[in-house]
PDB file of N, CA and C in Angstrom:
ATOM      1  N   UNK A   1       0.817  -1.188   0.000  1.00  0.00           N
ATOM      2  CA  UNK A   1       0.000   0.000   0.000  1.00  0.00           C
ATOM      3  C   UNK A   1       0.863   1.256   0.000  1.00  0.00           C
ATOM      4  N   UNK A   2       1.955   1.257   0.757  1.00  0.00           N
ATOM      5  CA  UNK A   2       2.835   2.423   0.800  1.00  0.00           C
ATOM      6  C   UNK A   2       3.419   2.686  -0.573  1.00  0.00           C
ATOM      7  N   UNK A   3       3.816   1.626  -1.302  1.00  0.00           N
ATOM      8  CA  UNK A   3       4.398   1.799  -2.628  1.00  0.00           C
ATOM      9  C   UNK A   3       3.425   2.496  -3.566  1.00  0.00           C
ATOM     10  N   UNK A   4       2.164   2.167  -3.473  1.00  0.00           N
ATOM     11  CA  UNK A   4       1.177   2.785  -4.344  1.00  0.00           C
ATOM     12  C   UNK A   4       1.031   4.271  -4.046  1.00  0.00           C
ATOM     13  N   UNK A   5       1.129   4.644  -2.788  1.00  0.00           N
ATOM     14  CA  UNK A   5       0.972   6.040  -2.413  1.00  0.00           C
ATOM     15  C   UNK A   5       2.190   6.868  -2.804  1.00  0.00           C
ATOM     16  N   UNK A   6       3.351   6.273  -2.827  1.00  0.00           N
ATOM     17  CA  UNK A   6       4.567   7.023  -3.085  1.00  0.00           C
ATOM     18  C   UNK A   6       5.108   6.851  -4.501  1.00  0.00           C
ATOM     19  N   UNK A   7       4.586   5.950  -5.300  1.00  0.00           N
ATOM     20  CA  UNK A   7       5.061   5.767  -6.658  1.00  0.00           C
ATOM     21  C   UNK A   7       6.424   5.111  -6.730  1.00  0.00           C
ATOM     22  N   UNK A   8       6.723   4.192  -5.851  1.00  0.00           N
ATOM     23  CA  UNK A   8       8.037   3.552  -5.807  1.00  0.00           C
ATOM     24  C   UNK A   8       8.071   2.254  -6.594  1.00  0.00           C
ATOM     25  N   UNK A   9       7.037   1.914  -7.302  1.00  0.00           N
ATOM     26  CA  UNK A   9       6.943   0.625  -7.979  1.00  0.00           C
ATOM     27  C   UNK A   9       8.003   0.348  -9.013  1.00  0.00           C
ATOM     28  N   UNK A  10       7.789   0.704 -10.268  1.00  0.00           N
ATOM     29  CA  UNK A  10       8.663   0.290 -11.349  1.00  0.00           C
ATOM     30  C   UNK A  10       9.933   1.082 -11.499  1.00  0.00           C
ATOM     31  N   UNK A  11       9.955   2.350 -11.158  1.00  0.00           N
ATOM     32  CA  UNK A  11      11.141   3.161 -11.387  1.00  0.00           C
ATOM     33  C   UNK A  11      11.924   3.367 -10.123  1.00  0.00           C
ATOM     34  N   UNK A  12      12.710   4.412 -10.107  1.00  0.00           N
ATOM     35  CA  UNK A  12      13.458   4.749  -8.904  1.00  0.00           C
ATOM     36  C   UNK A  12      14.783   4.044  -8.816  1.00  0.00           C
ATOM     37  N   UNK A  13      15.335   4.041  -7.623  1.00  0.00           N
ATOM     38  CA  UNK A  13      16.652   3.477  -7.400  1.00  0.00           C
ATOM     39  C   UNK A  13      16.586   1.965  -7.293  1.00  0.00           C
ATOM     40  N   UNK A  14      17.535   1.263  -7.935  1.00  0.00           N
ATOM     41  CA  UNK A  14      17.588  -0.185  -7.783  1.00  0.00           C
ATOM     42  C   UNK A  14      18.125  -0.542  -6.409  1.00  0.00           C
ATOM     43  N   UNK A  15      17.748  -1.705  -5.919  1.00  0.00           N
ATOM     44  CA  UNK A  15      18.279  -2.186  -4.649  1.00  0.00           C
ATOM     45  C   UNK A  15      19.725  -2.580  -4.886  1.00  0.00           C
ATOM     46  N   UNK A  16      20.640  -2.095  -4.041  1.00  0.00           N
ATOM     47  CA  UNK A  16      22.043  -2.423  -4.247  1.00  0.00           C
ATOM     48  C   UNK A  16      22.521  -3.428  -3.216  1.00  0.00           C
ATOM     49  N   UNK A  17      23.753  -3.894  -3.409  1.00  0.00           N
ATOM     50  CA  UNK A  17      24.372  -4.808  -2.469  1.00  0.00           C
ATOM     51  C   UNK A  17      24.107  -6.266  -2.762  1.00  0.00           C
ATOM     52  N   UNK A  18      23.374  -6.583  -3.805  1.00  0.00           N
ATOM     53  CA  UNK A  18      23.087  -7.974  -4.122  1.00  0.00           C
ATOM     54  C   UNK A  18      24.331  -8.711  -4.584  1.00  0.00           C
ATOM     55  N   UNK A  19      24.543  -9.914  -4.057  1.00  0.00           N
ATOM     56  CA  UNK A  19      25.703 -10.716  -4.448  1.00  0.00           C
ATOM     57  C   UNK A  19      25.478 -11.274  -5.847  1.00  0.00           C
ATOM     58  N   UNK A  20      26.547 -11.349  -6.609  1.00  0.00           N
ATOM     59  CA  UNK A  20      26.482 -11.906  -7.953  1.00  0.00           C
ATOM     60  C   UNK A  20      26.537 -13.424  -7.861  1.00  0.00           C
ATOM     61  N   UNK A  21      25.818 -14.092  -8.725  1.00  0.00           N
ATOM     62  CA  UNK A  21      25.813 -15.555  -8.714  1.00  0.00           C
ATOM     63  C   UNK A  21      26.427 -16.102  -9.994  1.00  0.00           C
ATOM     64  N   UNK A  22      27.558 -15.558 -10.384  1.00  0.00           N
ATOM     65  CA  UNK A  22      28.236 -16.009 -11.581  1.00  0.00           C
ATOM     66  C   UNK A  22      27.977 -15.122 -12.783  1.00  0.00           C
ATOM     67  N   UNK A  23      26.960 -14.305 -12.744  1.00  0.00           N
ATOM     68  CA  UNK A  23      26.675 -13.390 -13.847  1.00  0.00           C
ATOM     69  C   UNK A  23      27.692 -12.253 -13.828  1.00  0.00           C
ATOM     70  N   UNK A  24      28.119 -11.830 -14.997  1.00  0.00           N
ATOM     71  CA  UNK A  24      29.116 -10.770 -15.095  1.00  0.00           C
ATOM     72  C   UNK A  24      28.508  -9.381 -15.041  1.00  0.00           C
ATOM     73  N   UNK A  25      27.240  -9.261 -15.376  1.00  0.00           N
ATOM     74  CA  UNK A  25      26.633  -7.944 -15.495  1.00  0.00           C
ATOM     75  C   UNK A  25      25.795  -7.580 -14.280  1.00  0.00           C
ATOM     76  N   UNK A  26      25.847  -6.303 -13.952  1.00  0.00           N
ATOM     77  CA  UNK A  26      24.988  -5.760 -12.904  1.00  0.00           C
ATOM     78  C   UNK A  26      23.808  -5.073 -13.577  1.00  0.00           C
ATOM     79  N   UNK A  27      22.746  -4.892 -12.838  1.00  0.00           N
ATOM     80  CA  UNK A  27      21.577  -4.190 -13.354  1.00  0.00           C
ATOM     81  C   UNK A  27      21.953  -2.752 -13.711  1.00  0.00           C
ATOM     82  N   UNK A  28      21.178  -2.141 -14.559  1.00  0.00           N
ATOM     83  CA  UNK A  28      21.396  -0.758 -14.959  1.00  0.00           C
ATOM     84  C   UNK A  28      21.480   0.135 -13.726  1.00  0.00           C
ATOM     85  N   UNK A  29      22.492   0.981 -13.682  1.00  0.00           N
ATOM     86  CA  UNK A  29      22.670   1.898 -12.565  1.00  0.00           C
ATOM     87  C   UNK A  29      23.569   1.364 -11.470  1.00  0.00           C
ATOM     88  N   UNK A  30      23.958   0.085 -11.564  1.00  0.00           N
ATOM     89  CA  UNK A  30      24.825  -0.519 -10.559  1.00  0.00           C
ATOM     90  C   UNK A  30      26.203  -0.798 -11.145  1.00  0.00           C
ATOM     91  N   UNK A  31      27.210  -0.829 -10.277  1.00  0.00           N
ATOM     92  CA  UNK A  31      28.594  -1.076 -10.670  1.00  0.00           C
ATOM     93  C   UNK A  31      29.079  -2.312  -9.931  1.00  0.00           C
ATOM     94  N   UNK A  32      29.845  -3.151 -10.611  1.00  0.00           N
ATOM     95  CA  UNK A  32      30.397  -4.337  -9.963  1.00  0.00           C
ATOM     96  C   UNK A  32      31.562  -3.921  -9.072  1.00  0.00           C
ATOM     97  N   UNK A  33      31.458  -4.222  -7.786  1.00  0.00           N
ATOM     98  CA  UNK A  33      32.518  -3.985  -6.807  1.00  0.00           C
ATOM     99  C   UNK A  33      32.813  -5.331  -6.157  1.00  0.00           C
ATOM    100  N   UNK A  34      33.863  -5.988  -6.613  1.00  0.00           N
ATOM    101  CA  UNK A  34      34.160  -7.335  -6.122  1.00  0.00           C
ATOM    102  C   UNK A  34      33.070  -8.284  -6.557  1.00  0.00           C
ATOM    103  N   UNK A  35      32.406  -8.911  -5.590  1.00  0.00           N
ATOM    104  CA  UNK A  35      31.342  -9.858  -5.918  1.00  0.00           C
ATOM    105  C   UNK A  35      29.946  -9.285  -5.691  1.00  0.00           C
ATOM    106  N   UNK A  36      29.842  -7.945  -5.603  1.00  0.00           N
ATOM    107  CA  UNK A  36      28.547  -7.288  -5.377  1.00  0.00           C
ATOM    108  C   UNK A  36      28.256  -6.268  -6.464  1.00  0.00           C
ATOM    109  N   UNK A  37      26.996  -6.001  -6.669  1.00  0.00           N
ATOM    110  CA  UNK A  37      26.555  -4.900  -7.521  1.00  0.00           C
ATOM    111  C   UNK A  37      26.146  -3.758  -6.594  1.00  0.00           C
ATOM    112  N   UNK A  38      26.730  -2.576  -6.809  1.00  0.00           N
ATOM    113  CA  UNK A  38      26.562  -1.459  -5.887  1.00  0.00           C
ATOM    114  C   UNK A  38      26.130  -0.205  -6.639  1.00  0.00           C
ATOM    115  N   UNK A  39      25.246   0.571  -6.027  1.00  0.00           N
ATOM    116  CA  UNK A  39      24.876   1.882  -6.552  1.00  0.00           C
ATOM    117  C   UNK A  39      25.866   2.889  -5.974  1.00  0.00           C
ATOM    118  N   UNK A  40      26.906   3.229  -6.733  1.00  0.00           N
ATOM    119  CA  UNK A  40      27.966   4.111  -6.228  1.00  0.00           C
ATOM    120  C   UNK A  40      27.499   5.555  -6.071  1.00  0.00           C
ATOM    121  N   UNK A  41      26.274   5.868  -6.478  1.00  0.00           N
ATOM    122  CA  UNK A  41      25.759   7.225  -6.265  1.00  0.00           C
ATOM    123  C   UNK A  41      25.213   7.407  -4.853  1.00  0.00           C
ATOM    124  N   UNK A  42      24.968   6.291  -4.137  1.00  0.00           N
ATOM    125  CA  UNK A  42      24.376   6.412  -2.800  1.00  0.00           C
ATOM    126  C   UNK A  42      24.961   5.472  -1.749  1.00  0.00           C
ATOM    127  N   UNK A  43      25.916   4.632  -2.110  1.00  0.00           N
ATOM    128  CA  UNK A  43      26.484   3.683  -1.149  1.00  0.00           C
ATOM    129  C   UNK A  43      27.630   4.314  -0.363  1.00  0.00           C
ATOM    130  N   UNK A  44      27.512   4.433   0.963  1.00  0.00           N
ATOM    131  CA  UNK A  44      28.588   5.044   1.745  1.00  0.00           C
ATOM    132  C   UNK A  44      29.860   4.197   1.774  1.00  0.00           C
ATOM    133  N   UNK A  45      29.758   2.916   1.434  1.00  0.00           N
ATOM    134  CA  UNK A  45      30.930   2.039   1.391  1.00  0.00           C
ATOM    135  C   UNK A  45      31.635   2.082   0.042  1.00  0.00           C
ATOM    136  N   UNK A  46      30.975   2.575  -0.971  1.00  0.00           N
ATOM    137  CA  UNK A  46      31.529   2.693  -2.322  1.00  0.00           C
ATOM    138  C   UNK A  46      30.924   3.942  -2.950  1.00  0.00           C
ATOM    139  N   UNK A  47      31.360   5.094  -2.499  1.00  0.00           N
ATOM    140  CA  UNK A  47      30.757   6.366  -2.901  1.00  0.00           C
ATOM    141  C   UNK A  47      31.505   6.970  -4.084  1.00  0.00           C
ATOM    142  N   UNK A  48      30.928   6.860  -5.259  1.00  0.00           N
ATOM    143  CA  UNK A  48      31.551   7.376  -6.469  1.00  0.00           C
ATOM    144  C   UNK A  48      32.421   6.351  -7.163  1.00  0.00           C
ATOM    145  N   UNK A  49      32.999   5.436  -6.400  1.00  0.00           N
ATOM    146  CA  UNK A  49      33.838   4.359  -6.931  1.00  0.00           C
ATOM    147  C   UNK A  49      33.911   3.251  -5.882  1.00  0.00           C
ATOM    148  N   UNK A  50      34.270   2.067  -6.321  1.00  0.00           N
ATOM    149  CA  UNK A  50      34.291   0.909  -5.422  1.00  0.00           C
ATOM    150  C   UNK A  50      35.185   1.095  -4.207  1.00  0.00           C
ATOM    151  N   UNK A  51      36.306   1.758  -4.357  1.00  0.00           N
ATOM    152  CA  UNK A  51      37.288   1.846  -3.271  1.00  0.00           C
ATOM    153  C   UNK A  51      37.210   3.144  -2.470  1.00  0.00           C
ATOM    154  N   UNK A  52      36.100   3.876  -2.558  1.00  0.00           N
ATOM    155  CA  UNK A  52      35.950   5.138  -1.836  1.00  0.00           C
ATOM    156  C   UNK A  52      34.850   5.001  -0.786  1.00  0.00           C
ATOM    157  N   UNK A  53      35.234   5.016   0.491  1.00  0.00           N
ATOM    158  CA  UNK A  53      34.264   4.932   1.588  1.00  0.00           C
ATOM    159  C   UNK A  53      34.140   6.296   2.257  1.00  0.00           C
ATOM    160  N   UNK A  54      32.917   6.669   2.584  1.00  0.00           N
ATOM    161  CA  UNK A  54      32.696   7.920   3.314  1.00  0.00           C
ATOM    162  C   UNK A  54      33.126   7.733   4.768  1.00  0.00           C
ATOM    163  N   UNK A  55      33.519   8.825   5.388  1.00  0.00           N
ATOM    164  CA  UNK A  55      33.944   8.796   6.778  1.00  0.00           C
ATOM    165  C   UNK A  55      32.769   8.725   7.737  1.00  0.00           C
ATOM    166  N   UNK A  56      33.084   8.525   9.005  1.00  0.00           N
ATOM    167  CA  UNK A  56      32.050   8.498  10.044  1.00  0.00           C
ATOM    168  C   UNK A  56      31.258   9.805  10.021  1.00  0.00           C
ATOM    169  N   UNK A  57      29.946   9.703  10.071  1.00  0.00           N
ATOM    170  CA  UNK A  57      29.083  10.874  10.085  1.00  0.00           C
ATOM    171  C   UNK A  57      28.826  11.472   8.715  1.00  0.00           C
ATOM    172  N   UNK A  58      29.381  10.867   7.652  1.00  0.00           N
ATOM    173  CA  UNK A  58      29.148  11.362   6.293  1.00  0.00           C
ATOM    174  C   UNK A  58      28.131  10.487   5.583  1.00  0.00           C
ATOM    175  N   UNK A  59      27.511  11.035   4.556  1.00  0.00           N
ATOM    176  CA  UNK A  59      26.563  10.324   3.707  1.00  0.00           C
ATOM    177  C   UNK A  59      27.078  10.365   2.277  1.00  0.00           C
ATOM    178  N   UNK A  60      26.588   9.452   1.449  1.00  0.00           N
ATOM    179  CA  UNK A  60      26.944   9.443   0.031  1.00  0.00           C
ATOM    180  C   UNK A  60      25.772  10.026  -0.749  1.00  0.00           C
ATOM    181  N   UNK A  61      26.013  11.132  -1.420  1.00  0.00           N
ATOM    182  CA  UNK A  61      24.980  11.818  -2.183  1.00  0.00           C
ATOM    183  C   UNK A  61      25.501  12.123  -3.575  1.00  0.00           C
ATOM    184  N   UNK A  62      24.897  11.518  -4.574  1.00  0.00           N
ATOM    185  CA  UNK A  62      25.320  11.763  -5.945  1.00  0.00           C
ATOM    186  C   UNK A  62      26.753  11.331  -6.203  1.00  0.00           C
ATOM    187  N   UNK A  63      27.220  10.307  -5.495  1.00  0.00           N
ATOM    188  CA  UNK A  63      28.567   9.795  -5.693  1.00  0.00           C
ATOM    189  C   UNK A  63      29.645  10.588  -4.983  1.00  0.00           C
ATOM    190  N   UNK A  64      29.245  11.482  -4.073  1.00  0.00           N
ATOM    191  CA  UNK A  64      30.218  12.269  -3.316  1.00  0.00           C
ATOM    192  C   UNK A  64      29.867  12.219  -1.832  1.00  0.00           C
ATOM    193  N   UNK A  65      30.894  12.105  -0.991  1.00  0.00           N
ATOM    194  CA  UNK A  65      30.675  12.117   0.455  1.00  0.00           C
ATOM    195  C   UNK A  65      30.329  13.535   0.905  1.00  0.00           C
ATOM    196  N   UNK A  66      29.356  13.638   1.793  1.00  0.00           N
ATOM    197  CA  UNK A  66      28.904  14.938   2.298  1.00  0.00           C
ATOM    198  C   UNK A  66      28.494  14.781   3.761  1.00  0.00           C
ATOM    199  N   UNK A  67      28.311  15.899   4.440  1.00  0.00           N
ATOM    200  CA  UNK A  67      27.905  15.842   5.846  1.00  0.00           C
ATOM    201  C   UNK A  67      26.394  15.765   6.013  1.00  0.00           C
ATOM    202  N   UNK A  68      25.632  16.200   5.010  1.00  0.00           N
ATOM    203  CA  UNK A  68      24.171  16.129   5.069  1.00  0.00           C
ATOM    204  C   UNK A  68      23.617  15.802   3.690  1.00  0.00           C
ATOM    205  N   UNK A  69      22.398  15.310   3.658  1.00  0.00           N
ATOM    206  CA  UNK A  69      21.715  15.049   2.390  1.00  0.00           C
ATOM    207  C   UNK A  69      21.110  16.351   1.870  1.00  0.00           C
ATOM    208  N   UNK A  70      20.991  16.476   0.546  1.00  0.00           N
ATOM    209  CA  UNK A  70      20.358  17.674  -0.008  1.00  0.00           C
ATOM    210  C   UNK A  70      18.866  17.711   0.324  1.00  0.00           C
ATOM    211  N   UNK A  71      18.274  18.869   0.192  1.00  0.00           N
ATOM    212  CA  UNK A  71      16.836  19.040   0.442  1.00  0.00           C
ATOM    213  C   UNK A  71      16.043  18.045  -0.395  1.00  0.00           C
ATOM    214  N   UNK A  72      15.036  17.451   0.205  1.00  0.00           N
ATOM    215  CA  UNK A  72      14.185  16.502  -0.499  1.00  0.00           C
ATOM    216  C   UNK A  72      14.669  15.072  -0.422  1.00  0.00           C
ATOM    217  N   UNK A  73      15.828  14.842   0.207  1.00  0.00           N
ATOM    218  CA  UNK A  73      16.353  13.493   0.352  1.00  0.00           C
ATOM    219  C   UNK A  73      16.556  13.171   1.825  1.00  0.00           C
ATOM    220  N   UNK A  74      16.518  11.876   2.140  1.00  0.00           N
ATOM    221  CA  UNK A  74      16.627  11.393   3.512  1.00  0.00           C
ATOM    222  C   UNK A  74      17.856  10.514   3.652  1.00  0.00           C
ATOM    223  N   UNK A  75      18.556  10.629   4.784  1.00  0.00           N
ATOM    224  CA  UNK A  75      19.706   9.778   5.091  1.00  0.00           C
ATOM    225  C   UNK A  75      19.192   8.407   5.509  1.00  0.00           C
ATOM    226  N   UNK A  76      19.405   7.417   4.659  1.00  0.00           N
ATOM    227  CA  UNK A  76      19.027   6.032   4.952  1.00  0.00           C
ATOM    228  C   UNK A  76      20.299   5.200   4.977  1.00  0.00           C
ATOM    229  N   UNK A  77      20.776   4.882   6.160  1.00  0.00           N
ATOM    230  CA  UNK A  77      21.968   4.057   6.333  1.00  0.00           C
ATOM    231  C   UNK A  77      23.179   4.651   5.628  1.00  0.00           C
ATOM    232  N   UNK A  78      23.320   5.962   5.663  1.00  0.00           N
ATOM    233  CA  UNK A  78      24.478   6.622   5.088  1.00  0.00           C
ATOM    234  C   UNK A  78      24.354   6.995   3.630  1.00  0.00           C
ATOM    235  N   UNK A  79      23.240   6.679   2.986  1.00  0.00           N
ATOM    236  CA  UNK A  79      22.997   7.063   1.597  1.00  0.00           C
ATOM    237  C   UNK A  79      21.827   8.028   1.537  1.00  0.00           C
ATOM    238  N   UNK A  80      21.837   8.918   0.558  1.00  0.00           N
ATOM    239  CA  UNK A  80      20.763   9.904   0.409  1.00  0.00           C
ATOM    240  C   UNK A  80      19.754   9.411  -0.623  1.00  0.00           C
ATOM    241  N   UNK A  81      18.489   9.352  -0.228  1.00  0.00           N
ATOM    242  CA  UNK A  81      17.438   8.830  -1.094  1.00  0.00           C
ATOM    243  C   UNK A  81      16.210   9.718  -1.040  1.00  0.00           C
ATOM    244  N   UNK A  82      15.517   9.815  -2.176  1.00  0.00           N
ATOM    245  CA  UNK A  82      14.201  10.437  -2.234  1.00  0.00           C
ATOM    246  C   UNK A  82      13.212   9.326  -1.917  1.00  0.00           C
ATOM    247  N   UNK A  83      12.673   9.313  -0.719  1.00  0.00           N
ATOM    248  CA  UNK A  83      11.806   8.219  -0.288  1.00  0.00           C
ATOM    249  C   UNK A  83      10.457   8.198  -1.014  1.00  0.00           C
ATOM    250  N   UNK A  84      10.196   9.177  -1.862  1.00  0.00           N
ATOM    251  CA  UNK A  84       8.982   9.150  -2.681  1.00  0.00           C
ATOM    252  C   UNK A  84       9.144   8.252  -3.899  1.00  0.00           C
ATOM    253  N   UNK A  85      10.387   7.970  -4.316  1.00  0.00           N
ATOM    254  CA  UNK A  85      10.605   7.171  -5.522  1.00  0.00           C
ATOM    255  C   UNK A  85      11.588   6.020  -5.356  1.00  0.00           C
ATOM    256  N   UNK A  86      12.385   5.989  -4.319  1.00  0.00           N
ATOM    257  CA  UNK A  86      13.403   4.948  -4.143  1.00  0.00           C
ATOM    258  C   UNK A  86      12.756   3.625  -3.752  1.00  0.00           C
ATOM    259  N   UNK A  87      12.945   2.583  -4.575  1.00  0.00           N
ATOM    260  CA  UNK A  87      12.326   1.288  -4.286  1.00  0.00           C
ATOM    261  C   UNK A  87      12.813   0.690  -2.974  1.00  0.00           C
ATOM    262  N   UNK A  88      14.081   0.839  -2.637  1.00  0.00           N
ATOM    263  CA  UNK A  88      14.626   0.242  -1.412  1.00  0.00           C
ATOM    264  C   UNK A  88      14.200   1.006  -0.161  1.00  0.00           C
ATOM    265  N   UNK A  89      13.720   2.228  -0.335  1.00  0.00           N
ATOM    266  CA  UNK A  89      13.321   3.073   0.796  1.00  0.00           C
ATOM    267  C   UNK A  89      12.025   3.799   0.433  1.00  0.00           C
ATOM    268  N   UNK A  90      10.985   3.041   0.172  1.00  0.00           N
ATOM    269  CA  UNK A  90       9.725   3.570  -0.339  1.00  0.00           C
ATOM    270  C   UNK A  90       8.852   4.132   0.779  1.00  0.00           C
ATOM    271  N   UNK A  91       8.848   5.441   0.922  1.00  0.00           N
ATOM    272  CA  UNK A  91       8.055   6.098   1.952  1.00  0.00           C
ATOM    273  C   UNK A  91       8.806   6.286   3.250  1.00  0.00           C
ATOM    274  N   UNK A  92       9.809   5.434   3.490  1.00  0.00           N
ATOM    275  CA  UNK A  92      10.631   5.513   4.702  1.00  0.00           C
ATOM    276  C   UNK A  92      11.874   4.655   4.496  1.00  0.00           C
ATOM    277  N   UNK A  93      12.909   4.904   5.247  1.00  0.00           N
ATOM    278  CA  UNK A  93      14.137   4.114   5.157  1.00  0.00           C
ATOM    279  C   UNK A  93      13.835   2.639   5.422  1.00  0.00           C
ATOM    280  N   UNK A  94      14.337   1.780   4.546  1.00  0.00           N
ATOM    281  CA  UNK A  94      14.193   0.340   4.710  1.00  0.00           C
ATOM    282  C   UNK A  94      12.848  -0.234   4.308  1.00  0.00           C
ATOM    283  N   UNK A  95      11.917   0.585   3.868  1.00  0.00           N
ATOM    284  CA  UNK A  95      10.591   0.102   3.465  1.00  0.00           C
ATOM    285  C   UNK A  95      10.605  -0.194   1.973  1.00  0.00           C
ATOM    286  N   UNK A  96      10.883  -1.435   1.631  1.00  0.00           N
ATOM    287  CA  UNK A  96      10.971  -1.820   0.214  1.00  0.00           C
ATOM    288  C   UNK A  96       9.616  -2.207  -0.325  1.00  0.00           C
TER     289      UNK A  96
END
């Protein structure tokens, strides 16, 4: 029901962090980092590139480490997301 109210269904951010099972390709918008597919635009462990981690108290926004998320986005586990459209954080952090 929350997904219907927020429009998080078909579009938005892909869920990241999924382990690869022998496939070489990651879904559109994700980058292969070791054995995982990662959204480097919002992952605090791979912010902008696989080997770039944000520091304590920082978030990953648009592939760059920052101290706060931009207006209209919410800090969900160190990544900045628009909870109106992000599938992994639909309406609230962690609500897929």
